C-alpha cells in the first residue's frame, strides 16, 4: 500500500473561494481565520482531493460539482 501526502492544493470556485493555491503542506497544518473566511472549505477541498483517486469517482459525478481541485502528492505527480 502506497501512502501519499498532499504537498499542495489548488481550489477554484468552491463555495466562497474563487481561487486559492496552498503550497508546502506538511504533516501538520493549522488553519487560522475569522468565521466565514474559508477554513472549512479548505478542509473540504483537501478531503475531496484525497478521496478522489480517479476522475470518475462517485464523489464528483453524483454531486456534479462545479469546481476543479488540483492535487499534488509528495511523489511529484499530479493525482
N, C-alpha and C. Protein backbone atom coordinates (compact mmCIF):
# COMPACT_ATOMS: atom_id res chain seq x y z
N UNK A 1 0.84 -1.18 0.00
CA UNK A 1 0.00 0.00 0.00
C UNK A 1 0.89 1.24 0.00
N UNK A 2 0.62 2.14 -0.91
CA UNK A 2 1.38 3.39 -1.02
C UNK A 2 0.59 4.50 -0.34
N UNK A 3 1.23 5.17 0.60
CA UNK A 3 0.60 6.31 1.27
C UNK A 3 1.14 7.58 0.65
N UNK A 4 0.27 8.41 0.16
CA UNK A 4 0.67 9.68 -0.45
C UNK A 4 0.21 10.83 0.43
N UNK A 5 1.04 11.84 0.48
CA UNK A 5 0.67 13.05 1.22
C UNK A 5 0.49 14.19 0.23
N UNK A 6 -0.54 14.98 0.45
CA UNK A 6 -0.71 16.17 -0.37
C UNK A 6 0.40 17.15 -0.01
N UNK A 7 1.03 17.74 -1.03
CA UNK A 7 2.04 18.76 -0.76
C UNK A 7 1.56 20.13 -1.19
N UNK A 8 0.54 20.16 -2.05
CA UNK A 8 -0.08 21.44 -2.43
C UNK A 8 -1.48 21.16 -2.94
N UNK A 9 -2.30 22.20 -2.94
CA UNK A 9 -3.67 22.06 -3.45
C UNK A 9 -4.08 23.38 -4.08
N UNK A 10 -4.83 23.28 -5.16
CA UNK A 10 -5.38 24.46 -5.83
C UNK A 10 -6.89 24.32 -5.84
N UNK A 11 -7.59 25.35 -5.39
CA UNK A 11 -9.05 25.32 -5.30
C UNK A 11 -9.60 26.41 -6.21
N UNK A 12 -10.55 26.05 -7.05
CA UNK A 12 -11.21 27.00 -7.95
C UNK A 12 -12.72 26.86 -7.82
N UNK A 13 -13.39 27.96 -7.51
CA UNK A 13 -14.86 28.01 -7.48
C UNK A 13 -15.51 26.98 -6.55
N UNK A 14 -15.05 26.94 -5.33
CA UNK A 14 -15.66 26.08 -4.32
C UNK A 14 -16.21 26.97 -3.23
N UNK A 15 -17.52 26.99 -3.09
CA UNK A 15 -18.22 27.85 -2.12
C UNK A 15 -17.73 29.29 -2.24
N UNK A 16 -17.19 29.84 -1.16
CA UNK A 16 -16.77 31.24 -1.16
C UNK A 16 -15.37 31.47 -1.69
N UNK A 17 -14.68 30.41 -2.10
CA UNK A 17 -13.31 30.56 -2.61
C UNK A 17 -13.34 30.52 -4.13
N UNK A 18 -13.01 31.65 -4.76
CA UNK A 18 -12.98 31.66 -6.22
C UNK A 18 -11.67 31.09 -6.75
N UNK A 19 -10.57 31.38 -6.07
CA UNK A 19 -9.28 30.83 -6.49
C UNK A 19 -8.32 30.86 -5.30
N UNK A 20 -7.66 29.73 -5.06
CA UNK A 20 -6.75 29.64 -3.92
C UNK A 20 -5.70 28.57 -4.21
N UNK A 21 -4.44 28.89 -3.96
CA UNK A 21 -3.35 27.91 -4.05
C UNK A 21 -2.68 27.84 -2.70
N UNK A 22 -2.51 26.62 -2.21
CA UNK A 22 -1.80 26.42 -0.95
C UNK A 22 -0.64 25.49 -1.25
N UNK A 23 0.56 25.96 -0.96
CA UNK A 23 1.77 25.18 -1.23
C UNK A 23 2.43 24.79 0.08
N UNK A 24 3.36 23.87 -0.02
CA UNK A 24 4.17 23.45 1.13
C UNK A 24 3.33 22.90 2.28
N UNK A 25 2.35 22.06 1.95
CA UNK A 25 1.59 21.39 3.01
C UNK A 25 2.51 20.40 3.72
N UNK A 26 2.40 20.32 5.02
CA UNK A 26 3.21 19.42 5.82
C UNK A 26 2.33 18.37 6.48
N UNK A 27 2.92 17.58 7.34
CA UNK A 27 2.15 16.55 8.04
C UNK A 27 1.13 17.18 8.98
N UNK A 28 1.45 18.33 9.54
CA UNK A 28 0.53 19.05 10.42
C UNK A 28 0.41 20.47 9.89
N UNK A 29 -0.81 20.93 9.67
CA UNK A 29 -1.09 22.28 9.19
C UNK A 29 -2.18 22.88 10.07
N UNK A 30 -2.05 24.15 10.35
CA UNK A 30 -3.03 24.85 11.19
C UNK A 30 -3.67 25.95 10.36
N UNK A 31 -5.00 25.95 10.31
CA UNK A 31 -5.74 26.99 9.60
C UNK A 31 -6.33 27.94 10.64
N UNK A 32 -5.99 29.20 10.51
CA UNK A 32 -6.47 30.21 11.44
C UNK A 32 -7.17 31.30 10.64
N UNK A 33 -8.34 31.72 11.10
CA UNK A 33 -9.06 32.80 10.42
C UNK A 33 -10.38 33.07 11.10
N UNK A 34 -10.98 34.17 10.70
CA UNK A 34 -12.29 34.55 11.24
C UNK A 34 -13.37 33.61 10.73
N UNK A 35 -14.53 33.64 11.38
CA UNK A 35 -15.68 32.88 10.91
C UNK A 35 -16.00 33.30 9.48
N UNK A 36 -16.29 32.30 8.65
CA UNK A 36 -16.66 32.58 7.27
C UNK A 36 -15.49 32.91 6.36
N UNK A 37 -14.26 32.69 6.82
CA UNK A 37 -13.10 33.03 5.99
C UNK A 37 -12.67 31.91 5.05
N UNK A 38 -13.26 30.71 5.19
CA UNK A 38 -12.96 29.63 4.25
C UNK A 38 -12.17 28.46 4.82
N UNK A 39 -11.96 28.42 6.12
CA UNK A 39 -11.20 27.32 6.73
C UNK A 39 -11.86 25.97 6.46
N UNK A 40 -13.14 25.86 6.68
CA UNK A 40 -13.85 24.60 6.45
C UNK A 40 -13.88 24.24 4.98
N UNK A 41 -13.96 25.23 4.12
CA UNK A 41 -13.94 24.98 2.67
C UNK A 41 -12.61 24.38 2.26
N UNK A 42 -11.52 24.88 2.82
CA UNK A 42 -10.20 24.32 2.53
C UNK A 42 -10.13 22.87 3.01
N UNK A 43 -10.64 22.59 4.20
CA UNK A 43 -10.66 21.21 4.70
C UNK A 43 -11.50 20.31 3.81
N UNK A 44 -12.65 20.80 3.35
CA UNK A 44 -13.49 20.01 2.44
C UNK A 44 -12.76 19.73 1.13
N UNK A 45 -12.05 20.72 0.61
CA UNK A 45 -11.29 20.53 -0.63
C UNK A 45 -10.19 19.50 -0.45
N UNK A 46 -9.52 19.53 0.68
CA UNK A 46 -8.48 18.54 0.96
C UNK A 46 -9.10 17.15 1.07
N UNK A 47 -10.25 17.05 1.71
CA UNK A 47 -10.94 15.76 1.81
C UNK A 47 -11.32 15.24 0.43
N UNK A 48 -11.91 16.10 -0.39
CA UNK A 48 -12.32 15.69 -1.73
C UNK A 48 -11.12 15.28 -2.56
N UNK A 49 -10.05 16.06 -2.50
CA UNK A 49 -8.85 15.74 -3.27
C UNK A 49 -8.23 14.43 -2.81
N UNK A 50 -8.23 14.17 -1.52
CA UNK A 50 -7.60 12.95 -1.02
C UNK A 50 -8.47 11.72 -1.22
N UNK A 51 -9.76 11.88 -1.39
CA UNK A 51 -10.63 10.73 -1.58
C UNK A 51 -10.95 10.48 -3.05
N UNK A 52 -10.59 11.38 -3.93
CA UNK A 52 -10.88 11.24 -5.36
C UNK A 52 -9.63 10.78 -6.09
N UNK A 53 -9.43 9.48 -6.14
CA UNK A 53 -8.24 8.94 -6.78
C UNK A 53 -8.40 8.95 -8.29
N UNK A 54 -9.59 8.70 -8.78
CA UNK A 54 -9.84 8.64 -10.21
C UNK A 54 -10.83 9.73 -10.60
N UNK A 55 -10.68 10.31 -11.81
CA UNK A 55 -11.62 11.36 -12.25
C UNK A 55 -13.07 10.90 -12.28
N UNK A 56 -13.30 9.59 -12.41
CA UNK A 56 -14.67 9.06 -12.49
C UNK A 56 -15.29 8.82 -11.13
N UNK A 57 -14.60 9.14 -10.06
CA UNK A 57 -15.10 8.85 -8.72
C UNK A 57 -16.52 9.36 -8.51
N UNK A 58 -17.29 8.59 -7.73
CA UNK A 58 -18.67 8.95 -7.43
C UNK A 58 -18.81 10.32 -6.80
N UNK A 59 -17.87 10.71 -5.97
CA UNK A 59 -17.99 11.98 -5.26
C UNK A 59 -18.07 13.16 -6.24
N UNK A 60 -17.47 13.01 -7.41
CA UNK A 60 -17.52 14.08 -8.40
C UNK A 60 -18.74 13.93 -9.30
N UNK A 61 -18.99 12.72 -9.80
CA UNK A 61 -20.08 12.53 -10.76
C UNK A 61 -21.46 12.66 -10.13
N UNK A 62 -21.67 12.10 -8.96
CA UNK A 62 -23.00 12.14 -8.35
C UNK A 62 -23.40 13.55 -7.93
N UNK A 63 -22.44 14.32 -7.45
CA UNK A 63 -22.76 15.67 -6.99
C UNK A 63 -22.67 16.71 -8.08
N UNK A 64 -22.15 16.35 -9.25
CA UNK A 64 -22.00 17.28 -10.37
C UNK A 64 -21.41 18.60 -9.90
N UNK A 65 -20.28 18.50 -9.21
CA UNK A 65 -19.64 19.67 -8.63
C UNK A 65 -19.08 20.58 -9.72
N UNK A 66 -19.20 21.88 -9.50
CA UNK A 66 -18.78 22.86 -10.49
C UNK A 66 -17.49 23.54 -10.04
N UNK A 67 -16.47 22.75 -9.84
CA UNK A 67 -15.18 23.31 -9.47
C UNK A 67 -14.08 22.32 -9.82
N UNK A 68 -12.89 22.81 -9.78
CA UNK A 68 -11.73 21.98 -10.09
C UNK A 68 -10.81 22.00 -8.89
N UNK A 69 -10.35 20.84 -8.50
CA UNK A 69 -9.35 20.76 -7.45
C UNK A 69 -8.15 20.02 -8.03
N UNK A 70 -7.01 20.66 -8.04
CA UNK A 70 -5.77 20.01 -8.47
C UNK A 70 -5.02 19.61 -7.22
N UNK A 71 -4.53 18.41 -7.20
CA UNK A 71 -3.76 17.99 -6.05
C UNK A 71 -2.40 17.48 -6.51
N UNK A 72 -1.43 17.66 -5.68
CA UNK A 72 -0.07 17.22 -5.97
C UNK A 72 0.43 16.44 -4.77
N UNK A 73 1.01 15.28 -5.04
CA UNK A 73 1.47 14.43 -3.95
C UNK A 73 2.96 14.60 -3.73
N UNK A 74 3.46 13.95 -2.70
CA UNK A 74 4.88 14.06 -2.40
C UNK A 74 5.76 13.33 -3.40
N UNK A 75 5.19 12.63 -4.34
CA UNK A 75 5.95 11.97 -5.39
C UNK A 75 6.16 12.88 -6.60
N UNK A 76 5.59 14.05 -6.57
CA UNK A 76 5.77 15.00 -7.66
C UNK A 76 4.82 14.81 -8.82
N UNK A 77 3.90 13.87 -8.72
CA UNK A 77 2.96 13.65 -9.81
C UNK A 77 1.60 14.22 -9.45
N UNK A 78 0.89 14.68 -10.45
CA UNK A 78 -0.46 15.18 -10.20
C UNK A 78 -1.38 13.99 -10.14
N UNK A 79 -2.16 13.90 -9.11
CA UNK A 79 -3.06 12.76 -8.94
C UNK A 79 -4.48 13.15 -9.23
